[in-house]
């Protein structure tokens, strides 16, 4: 149980940041206009990811899936920035 809880906290935090970052930069207009809504949405998404982490069968699966998805989301942000599609 504790492994799943910490999986929701640590990689769940990074996954939430990546997902909200992708949505924030995908919206039209400057990203500065969406910062308040992004911060509010971040906490909602993080709480949802923490709750979803308890749906995994064990802590190892939760860490594997959430960690992998966090790497993919943050990697997508890095790739978009490297391609200069976002700033």
PDB file of N, CA and C in Angstrom:
ATOM      1  N   UNK A   1       0.814  -1.187   0.000  1.00  0.00           N
ATOM      2  CA  UNK A   1       0.000   0.000   0.000  1.00  0.00           C
ATOM      3  C   UNK A   1       0.861   1.255   0.000  1.00  0.00           C
ATOM      4  N   UNK A   2       1.928   1.257   0.797  1.00  0.00           N
ATOM      5  CA  UNK A   2       2.773   2.452   0.861  1.00  0.00           C
ATOM      6  C   UNK A   2       3.504   2.674  -0.441  1.00  0.00           C
ATOM      7  N   UNK A   3       3.889   1.608  -1.117  1.00  0.00           N
ATOM      8  CA  UNK A   3       4.580   1.752  -2.399  1.00  0.00           C
ATOM      9  C   UNK A   3       3.659   2.398  -3.430  1.00  0.00           C
ATOM     10  N   UNK A   4       2.401   2.012  -3.436  1.00  0.00           N
ATOM     11  CA  UNK A   4       1.449   2.624  -4.362  1.00  0.00           C
ATOM     12  C   UNK A   4       1.195   4.080  -4.000  1.00  0.00           C
ATOM     13  N   UNK A   5       1.155   4.382  -2.714  1.00  0.00           N
ATOM     14  CA  UNK A   5       0.950   5.767  -2.291  1.00  0.00           C
ATOM     15  C   UNK A   5       2.120   6.648  -2.721  1.00  0.00           C
ATOM     16  N   UNK A   6       3.339   6.173  -2.506  1.00  0.00           N
ATOM     17  CA  UNK A   6       4.503   6.955  -2.919  1.00  0.00           C
ATOM     18  C   UNK A   6       4.625   7.026  -4.442  1.00  0.00           C
ATOM     19  N   UNK A   7       4.120   6.016  -5.149  1.00  0.00           N
ATOM     20  CA  UNK A   7       4.100   6.073  -6.610  1.00  0.00           C
ATOM     21  C   UNK A   7       3.145   7.170  -7.083  1.00  0.00           C
ATOM     22  N   UNK A   8       2.070   7.354  -6.385  1.00  0.00           N
ATOM     23  CA  UNK A   8       1.157   8.441  -6.725  1.00  0.00           C
ATOM     24  C   UNK A   8       1.731   9.802  -6.395  1.00  0.00           C
ATOM     25  N   UNK A   9       2.593   9.857  -5.393  1.00  0.00           N
ATOM     26  CA  UNK A   9       3.168  11.140  -4.985  1.00  0.00           C
ATOM     27  C   UNK A   9       4.336  11.538  -5.872  1.00  0.00           C
ATOM     28  N   UNK A  10       5.327  10.689  -6.027  1.00  0.00           N
ATOM     29  CA  UNK A  10       6.570  11.084  -6.719  1.00  0.00           C
ATOM     30  C   UNK A  10       6.418  11.074  -8.241  1.00  0.00           C
ATOM     31  N   UNK A  11       6.267   9.899  -8.890  1.00  0.00           N
ATOM     32  CA  UNK A  11       6.102   9.979 -10.341  1.00  0.00           C
ATOM     33  C   UNK A  11       4.745  10.560 -10.735  1.00  0.00           C
ATOM     34  N   UNK A  12       3.775  10.485  -9.843  1.00  0.00           N
ATOM     35  CA  UNK A  12       2.477  11.107 -10.116  1.00  0.00           C
ATOM     36  C   UNK A  12       2.589  12.615 -10.220  1.00  0.00           C
ATOM     37  N   UNK A  13       3.437  13.203  -9.398  1.00  0.00           N
ATOM     38  CA  UNK A  13       3.700  14.645  -9.461  1.00  0.00           C
ATOM     39  C   UNK A  13       4.292  15.008 -10.820  1.00  0.00           C
ATOM     40  N   UNK A  14       5.295  14.239 -11.253  1.00  0.00           N
ATOM     41  CA  UNK A  14       5.947  14.516 -12.532  1.00  0.00           C
ATOM     42  C   UNK A  14       5.004  14.264 -13.706  1.00  0.00           C
ATOM     43  N   UNK A  15       4.202  13.227 -13.620  1.00  0.00           N
ATOM     44  CA  UNK A  15       3.230  12.946 -14.669  1.00  0.00           C
ATOM     45  C   UNK A  15       2.204  14.068 -14.766  1.00  0.00           C
ATOM     46  N   UNK A  16       1.716  14.526 -13.635  1.00  0.00           N
ATOM     47  CA  UNK A  16       0.750  15.623 -13.631  1.00  0.00           C
ATOM     48  C   UNK A  16       1.348  16.895 -14.208  1.00  0.00           C
ATOM     49  N   UNK A  17       2.587  17.178 -13.844  1.00  0.00           N
ATOM     50  CA  UNK A  17       3.251  18.367 -14.387  1.00  0.00           C
ATOM     51  C   UNK A  17       3.408  18.254 -15.899  1.00  0.00           C
ATOM     52  N   UNK A  18       3.772  17.085 -16.384  1.00  0.00           N
ATOM     53  CA  UNK A  18       3.928  16.895 -17.820  1.00  0.00           C
ATOM     54  C   UNK A  18       2.610  17.019 -18.569  1.00  0.00           C
ATOM     55  N   UNK A  19       1.563  16.409 -18.048  1.00  0.00           N
ATOM     56  CA  UNK A  19       0.262  16.465 -18.712  1.00  0.00           C
ATOM     57  C   UNK A  19      -0.295  17.881 -18.744  1.00  0.00           C
ATOM     58  N   UNK A  20      -0.228  18.561 -17.616  1.00  0.00           N
ATOM     59  CA  UNK A  20      -0.742  19.932 -17.569  1.00  0.00           C
ATOM     60  C   UNK A  20       0.119  20.849 -18.434  1.00  0.00           C
ATOM     61  N   UNK A  21       1.420  20.613 -18.465  1.00  0.00           N
ATOM     62  CA  UNK A  21       2.293  21.402 -19.331  1.00  0.00           C
ATOM     63  C   UNK A  21       1.965  21.215 -20.797  1.00  0.00           C
ATOM     64  N   UNK A  22       1.699  19.983 -21.202  1.00  0.00           N
ATOM     65  CA  UNK A  22       1.328  19.732 -22.598  1.00  0.00           C
ATOM     66  C   UNK A  22       0.011  20.412 -22.963  1.00  0.00           C
ATOM     67  N   UNK A  23      -0.960  20.334 -22.071  1.00  0.00           N
ATOM     68  CA  UNK A  23      -2.252  20.973 -22.346  1.00  0.00           C
ATOM     69  C   UNK A  23      -2.109  22.493 -22.340  1.00  0.00           C
ATOM     70  N   UNK A  24      -1.340  23.029 -21.408  1.00  0.00           N
ATOM     71  CA  UNK A  24      -1.165  24.474 -21.311  1.00  0.00           C
ATOM     72  C   UNK A  24      -0.522  25.035 -22.569  1.00  0.00           C
ATOM     73  N   UNK A  25       0.500  24.378 -23.075  1.00  0.00           N
ATOM     74  CA  UNK A  25       1.163  24.868 -24.270  1.00  0.00           C
ATOM     75  C   UNK A  25       0.391  24.544 -25.544  1.00  0.00           C
ATOM     76  N   UNK A  26      -0.548  23.608 -25.487  1.00  0.00           N
ATOM     77  CA  UNK A  26      -1.352  23.282 -26.666  1.00  0.00           C
ATOM     78  C   UNK A  26      -2.467  24.300 -26.893  1.00  0.00           C
ATOM     79  N   UNK A  27      -2.842  25.014 -25.859  1.00  0.00           N
ATOM     80  CA  UNK A  27      -3.909  26.001 -26.000  1.00  0.00           C
ATOM     81  C   UNK A  27      -3.415  27.190 -26.821  1.00  0.00           C
ATOM     82  N   UNK A  28      -4.314  27.833 -27.558  1.00  0.00           N
ATOM     83  CA  UNK A  28      -3.889  28.993 -28.344  1.00  0.00           C
ATOM     84  C   UNK A  28      -3.557  30.177 -27.447  1.00  0.00           C
ATOM     85  N   UNK A  29      -2.676  31.010 -27.930  1.00  0.00           N
ATOM     86  CA  UNK A  29      -2.283  32.194 -27.177  1.00  0.00           C
ATOM     87  C   UNK A  29      -1.056  31.931 -26.333  1.00  0.00           C
ATOM     88  N   UNK A  30      -0.576  32.962 -25.648  1.00  0.00           N
ATOM     89  CA  UNK A  30       0.621  32.791 -24.820  1.00  0.00           C
ATOM     90  C   UNK A  30       0.334  31.928 -23.595  1.00  0.00           C
ATOM     91  N   UNK A  31       1.359  31.176 -23.176  1.00  0.00           N
ATOM     92  CA  UNK A  31       1.178  30.276 -22.039  1.00  0.00           C
ATOM     93  C   UNK A  31       0.993  31.057 -20.740  1.00  0.00           C
ATOM     94  N   UNK A  32       1.449  32.332 -20.695  1.00  0.00           N
ATOM     95  CA  UNK A  32       1.307  33.123 -19.475  1.00  0.00           C
ATOM     96  C   UNK A  32      -0.153  33.371 -19.127  1.00  0.00           C
ATOM     97  N   UNK A  33      -1.019  33.346 -20.130  1.00  0.00           N
ATOM     98  CA  UNK A  33      -2.443  33.550 -19.879  1.00  0.00           C
ATOM     99  C   UNK A  33      -3.129  32.351 -19.256  1.00  0.00           C
ATOM    100  N   UNK A  34      -2.469  31.206 -19.272  1.00  0.00           N
ATOM    101  CA  UNK A  34      -3.086  29.993 -18.723  1.00  0.00           C
ATOM    102  C   UNK A  34      -2.409  29.512 -17.444  1.00  0.00           C
ATOM    103  N   UNK A  35      -1.553  30.335 -16.869  1.00  0.00           N
ATOM    104  CA  UNK A  35      -0.769  29.869 -15.714  1.00  0.00           C
ATOM    105  C   UNK A  35      -1.648  29.597 -14.485  1.00  0.00           C
ATOM    106  N   UNK A  36      -2.624  30.454 -14.219  1.00  0.00           N
ATOM    107  CA  UNK A  36      -3.469  30.251 -13.034  1.00  0.00           C
ATOM    108  C   UNK A  36      -4.346  29.009 -13.214  1.00  0.00           C
ATOM    109  N   UNK A  37      -4.947  28.891 -14.383  1.00  0.00           N
ATOM    110  CA  UNK A  37      -5.770  27.707 -14.647  1.00  0.00           C
ATOM    111  C   UNK A  37      -4.913  26.444 -14.647  1.00  0.00           C
ATOM    112  N   UNK A  38      -3.677  26.549 -15.133  1.00  0.00           N
ATOM    113  CA  UNK A  38      -2.779  25.398 -15.136  1.00  0.00           C
ATOM    114  C   UNK A  38      -2.401  24.936 -13.743  1.00  0.00           C
ATOM    115  N   UNK A  39      -2.158  25.888 -12.859  1.00  0.00           N
ATOM    116  CA  UNK A  39      -1.802  25.535 -11.472  1.00  0.00           C
ATOM    117  C   UNK A  39      -2.986  24.864 -10.775  1.00  0.00           C
ATOM    118  N   UNK A  40      -4.169  25.389 -11.001  1.00  0.00           N
ATOM    119  CA  UNK A  40      -5.360  24.783 -10.395  1.00  0.00           C
ATOM    120  C   UNK A  40      -5.590  23.387 -10.974  1.00  0.00           C
ATOM    121  N   UNK A  41      -5.467  23.260 -12.293  1.00  0.00           N
ATOM    122  CA  UNK A  41      -5.664  21.960 -12.936  1.00  0.00           C
ATOM    123  C   UNK A  41      -4.594  20.963 -12.500  1.00  0.00           C
ATOM    124  N   UNK A  42      -3.377  21.443 -12.247  1.00  0.00           N
ATOM    125  CA  UNK A  42      -2.306  20.551 -11.819  1.00  0.00           C
ATOM    126  C   UNK A  42      -2.690  19.805 -10.548  1.00  0.00           C
ATOM    127  N   UNK A  43      -3.210  20.514  -9.565  1.00  0.00           N
ATOM    128  CA  UNK A  43      -3.565  19.861  -8.304  1.00  0.00           C
ATOM    129  C   UNK A  43      -4.715  18.873  -8.488  1.00  0.00           C
ATOM    130  N   UNK A  44      -5.662  19.203  -9.344  1.00  0.00           N
ATOM    131  CA  UNK A  44      -6.778  18.282  -9.609  1.00  0.00           C
ATOM    132  C   UNK A  44      -6.253  17.011 -10.288  1.00  0.00           C
ATOM    133  N   UNK A  45      -5.385  17.181 -11.280  1.00  0.00           N
ATOM    134  CA  UNK A  45      -4.828  16.028 -11.988  1.00  0.00           C
ATOM    135  C   UNK A  45      -3.956  15.206 -11.050  1.00  0.00           C
ATOM    136  N   UNK A  46      -3.169  15.855 -10.202  1.00  0.00           N
ATOM    137  CA  UNK A  46      -2.297  15.132  -9.274  1.00  0.00           C
ATOM    138  C   UNK A  46      -3.108  14.297  -8.292  1.00  0.00           C
ATOM    139  N   UNK A  47      -4.181  14.872  -7.773  1.00  0.00           N
ATOM    140  CA  UNK A  47      -5.043  14.119  -6.849  1.00  0.00           C
ATOM    141  C   UNK A  47      -5.661  12.924  -7.578  1.00  0.00           C
ATOM    142  N   UNK A  48      -6.077  13.116  -8.832  1.00  0.00           N
ATOM    143  CA  UNK A  48      -6.646  12.002  -9.606  1.00  0.00           C
ATOM    144  C   UNK A  48      -5.608  10.914  -9.853  1.00  0.00           C
ATOM    145  N   UNK A  49      -4.371  11.292 -10.148  1.00  0.00           N
ATOM    146  CA  UNK A  49      -3.307  10.306 -10.362  1.00  0.00           C
ATOM    147  C   UNK A  49      -2.991   9.573  -9.057  1.00  0.00           C
ATOM    148  N   UNK A  50      -2.975  10.306  -7.942  1.00  0.00           N
ATOM    149  CA  UNK A  50      -2.732   9.644  -6.652  1.00  0.00           C
ATOM    150  C   UNK A  50      -3.832   8.638  -6.339  1.00  0.00           C
ATOM    151  N   UNK A  51      -5.061   9.002  -6.632  1.00  0.00           N
ATOM    152  CA  UNK A  51      -6.159   8.057  -6.417  1.00  0.00           C
ATOM    153  C   UNK A  51      -6.079   6.861  -7.348  1.00  0.00           C
ATOM    154  N   UNK A  52      -5.686   7.115  -8.585  1.00  0.00           N
ATOM    155  CA  UNK A  52      -5.583   6.030  -9.566  1.00  0.00           C
ATOM    156  C   UNK A  52      -4.426   5.090  -9.255  1.00  0.00           C
ATOM    157  N   UNK A  53      -3.436   5.560  -8.522  1.00  0.00           N
ATOM    158  CA  UNK A  53      -2.298   4.693  -8.209  1.00  0.00           C
ATOM    159  C   UNK A  53      -2.714   3.504  -7.340  1.00  0.00           C
ATOM    160  N   UNK A  54      -3.803   3.621  -6.623  1.00  0.00           N
ATOM    161  CA  UNK A  54      -4.277   2.516  -5.789  1.00  0.00           C
ATOM    162  C   UNK A  54      -5.040   1.466  -6.593  1.00  0.00           C
ATOM    163  N   UNK A  55      -5.273   1.716  -7.868  1.00  0.00           N
ATOM    164  CA  UNK A  55      -5.949   0.746  -8.715  1.00  0.00           C
ATOM    165  C   UNK A  55      -4.990  -0.317  -9.254  1.00  0.00           C
ATOM    166  N   UNK A  56      -3.687  -0.080  -9.102  1.00  0.00           N
ATOM    167  CA  UNK A  56      -2.707  -1.057  -9.561  1.00  0.00           C
ATOM    168  C   UNK A  56      -2.652  -2.233  -8.590  1.00  0.00           C
ATOM    169  N   UNK A  57      -2.243  -3.377  -9.112  1.00  0.00           N
ATOM    170  CA  UNK A  57      -2.212  -4.593  -8.297  1.00  0.00           C
ATOM    171  C   UNK A  57      -1.165  -4.519  -7.195  1.00  0.00           C
ATOM    172  N   UNK A  58      -0.015  -3.895  -7.491  1.00  0.00           N
ATOM    173  CA  UNK A  58       1.032  -3.776  -6.477  1.00  0.00           C
ATOM    174  C   UNK A  58       1.840  -2.502  -6.727  1.00  0.00           C
ATOM    175  N   UNK A  59       2.743  -2.213  -5.835  1.00  0.00           N
ATOM    176  CA  UNK A  59       3.537  -0.997  -5.923  1.00  0.00           C
ATOM    177  C   UNK A  59       4.495  -0.982  -7.094  1.00  0.00           C
ATOM    178  N   UNK A  60       5.023  -2.153  -7.438  1.00  0.00           N
ATOM    179  CA  UNK A  60       5.973  -2.215  -8.552  1.00  0.00           C
ATOM    180  C   UNK A  60       5.306  -1.814  -9.862  1.00  0.00           C
ATOM    181  N   UNK A  61       4.101  -2.298 -10.083  1.00  0.00           N
ATOM    182  CA  UNK A  61       3.372  -1.909 -11.297  1.00  0.00           C
ATOM    183  C   UNK A  61       3.035  -0.428 -11.283  1.00  0.00           C
ATOM    184  N   UNK A  62       2.642   0.096 -10.147  1.00  0.00           N
ATOM    185  CA  UNK A  62       2.312   1.515 -10.055  1.00  0.00           C
ATOM    186  C   UNK A  62       3.535   2.369 -10.375  1.00  0.00           C
ATOM    187  N   UNK A  63       4.687   2.027  -9.790  1.00  0.00           N
ATOM    188  CA  UNK A  63       5.915   2.771 -10.061  1.00  0.00           C
ATOM    189  C   UNK A  63       6.314   2.655 -11.521  1.00  0.00           C
ATOM    190  N   UNK A  64       6.184   1.456 -12.084  1.00  0.00           N
ATOM    191  CA  UNK A  64       6.575   1.245 -13.482  1.00  0.00           C
ATOM    192  C   UNK A  64       5.704   2.059 -14.430  1.00  0.00           C
ATOM    193  N   UNK A  65       4.390   1.947 -14.289  1.00  0.00           N
ATOM    194  CA  UNK A  65       3.485   2.644 -15.194  1.00  0.00           C
ATOM    195  C   UNK A  65       3.547   4.158 -15.006  1.00  0.00           C
ATOM    196  N   UNK A  66       3.443   4.611 -13.775  1.00  0.00           N
ATOM    197  CA  UNK A  66       3.441   6.061 -13.548  1.00  0.00           C
ATOM    198  C   UNK A  66       4.791   6.672 -13.886  1.00  0.00           C
ATOM    199  N   UNK A  67       5.867   5.963 -13.561  1.00  0.00           N
ATOM    200  CA  UNK A  67       7.194   6.458 -13.914  1.00  0.00           C
ATOM    201  C   UNK A  67       7.403   6.517 -15.413  1.00  0.00           C
ATOM    202  N   UNK A  68       6.954   5.494 -16.123  1.00  0.00           N
ATOM    203  CA  UNK A  68       7.085   5.475 -17.582  1.00  0.00           C
ATOM    204  C   UNK A  68       6.260   6.579 -18.227  1.00  0.00           C
ATOM    205  N   UNK A  69       5.039   6.757 -17.762  1.00  0.00           N
ATOM    206  CA  UNK A  69       4.196   7.815 -18.315  1.00  0.00           C
ATOM    207  C   UNK A  69       4.757   9.200 -17.993  1.00  0.00           C
ATOM    208  N   UNK A  70       5.362   9.357 -16.831  1.00  0.00           N
ATOM    209  CA  UNK A  70       5.984  10.641 -16.490  1.00  0.00           C
ATOM    210  C   UNK A  70       7.160  10.932 -17.408  1.00  0.00           C
ATOM    211  N   UNK A  71       7.980   9.923 -17.678  1.00  0.00           N
ATOM    212  CA  UNK A  71       9.118  10.103 -18.585  1.00  0.00           C
ATOM    213  C   UNK A  71       8.621  10.455 -19.987  1.00  0.00           C
ATOM    214  N   UNK A  72       7.568   9.795 -20.442  1.00  0.00           N
ATOM    215  CA  UNK A  72       7.025  10.079 -21.774  1.00  0.00           C
ATOM    216  C   UNK A  72       6.470  11.496 -21.847  1.00  0.00           C
ATOM    217  N   UNK A  73       5.704  11.911 -20.851  1.00  0.00           N
ATOM    218  CA  UNK A  73       5.112  13.259 -20.896  1.00  0.00           C
ATOM    219  C   UNK A  73       6.170  14.342 -20.803  1.00  0.00           C
ATOM    220  N   UNK A  74       7.145  14.176 -19.918  1.00  0.00           N
ATOM    221  CA  UNK A  74       8.203  15.174 -19.815  1.00  0.00           C
ATOM    222  C   UNK A  74       9.131  15.115 -21.022  1.00  0.00           C
ATOM    223  N   UNK A  75       9.327  13.928 -21.577  1.00  0.00           N
ATOM    224  CA  UNK A  75      10.107  13.796 -22.809  1.00  0.00           C
ATOM    225  C   UNK A  75       9.417  14.477 -23.981  1.00  0.00           C
ATOM    226  N   UNK A  76       8.093  14.386 -24.038  1.00  0.00           N
ATOM    227  CA  UNK A  76       7.350  15.077 -25.096  1.00  0.00           C
ATOM    228  C   UNK A  76       7.491  16.586 -24.961  1.00  0.00           C
ATOM    229  N   UNK A  77       7.442  17.083 -23.733  1.00  0.00           N
ATOM    230  CA  UNK A  77       7.660  18.518 -23.518  1.00  0.00           C
ATOM    231  C   UNK A  77       9.056  18.932 -23.948  1.00  0.00           C
ATOM    232  N   UNK A  78      10.040  18.136 -23.581  1.00  0.00           N
ATOM    233  CA  UNK A  78      11.415  18.454 -23.965  1.00  0.00           C
ATOM    234  C   UNK A  78      11.574  18.428 -25.475  1.00  0.00           C
ATOM    235  N   UNK A  79      10.987  17.426 -26.142  1.00  0.00           N
ATOM    236  CA  UNK A  79      11.085  17.306 -27.593  1.00  0.00           C
ATOM    237  C   UNK A  79      10.418  18.491 -28.290  1.00  0.00           C
ATOM    238  N   UNK A  80       9.247  18.886 -27.824  1.00  0.00           N
ATOM    239  CA  UNK A  80       8.573  20.039 -28.417  1.00  0.00           C
ATOM    240  C   UNK A  80       9.383  21.314 -28.240  1.00  0.00           C
ATOM    241  N   UNK A  81      10.037  21.451 -27.108  1.00  0.00           N
ATOM    242  CA  UNK A  81      10.876  22.622 -26.890  1.00  0.00           C
ATOM    243  C   UNK A  81      12.134  22.547 -27.758  1.00  0.00           C
ATOM    244  N   UNK A  82      12.704  21.395 -27.902  1.00  0.00           N
ATOM    245  CA  UNK A  82      13.904  21.218 -28.728  1.00  0.00           C
ATOM    246  C   UNK A  82      13.608  21.493 -30.189  1.00  0.00           C
ATOM    247  N   UNK A  83      12.410  21.110 -30.636  1.00  0.00           N
ATOM    248  CA  UNK A  83      11.995  21.382 -32.015  1.00  0.00           C
ATOM    249  C   UNK A  83      11.560  22.834 -32.217  1.00  0.00           C
ATOM    250  N   UNK A  84      11.524  23.596 -31.123  1.00  0.00           N
ATOM    251  CA  UNK A  84      11.113  24.996 -31.115  1.00  0.00           C
ATOM    252  C   UNK A  84       9.637  25.170 -31.503  1.00  0.00           C
ATOM    253  N   UNK A  85       8.817  24.161 -31.205  1.00  0.00           N
ATOM    254  CA  UNK A  85       7.375  24.285 -31.426  1.00  0.00           C
ATOM    255  C   UNK A  85       6.720  25.002 -30.256  1.00  0.00           C
ATOM    256  N   UNK A  86       7.367  24.954 -29.092  1.00  0.00           N
ATOM    257  CA  UNK A  86       6.914  25.691 -27.909  1.00  0.00           C
ATOM    258  C   UNK A  86       8.116  26.415 -27.334  1.00  0.00           C
ATOM    259  N   UNK A  87       7.841  27.436 -26.539  1.00  0.00           N
ATOM    260  CA  UNK A  87       8.948  28.171 -25.907  1.00  0.00           C
ATOM    261  C   UNK A  87       8.704  28.352 -24.444  1.00  0.00           C
TER     262      UNK A  87
END
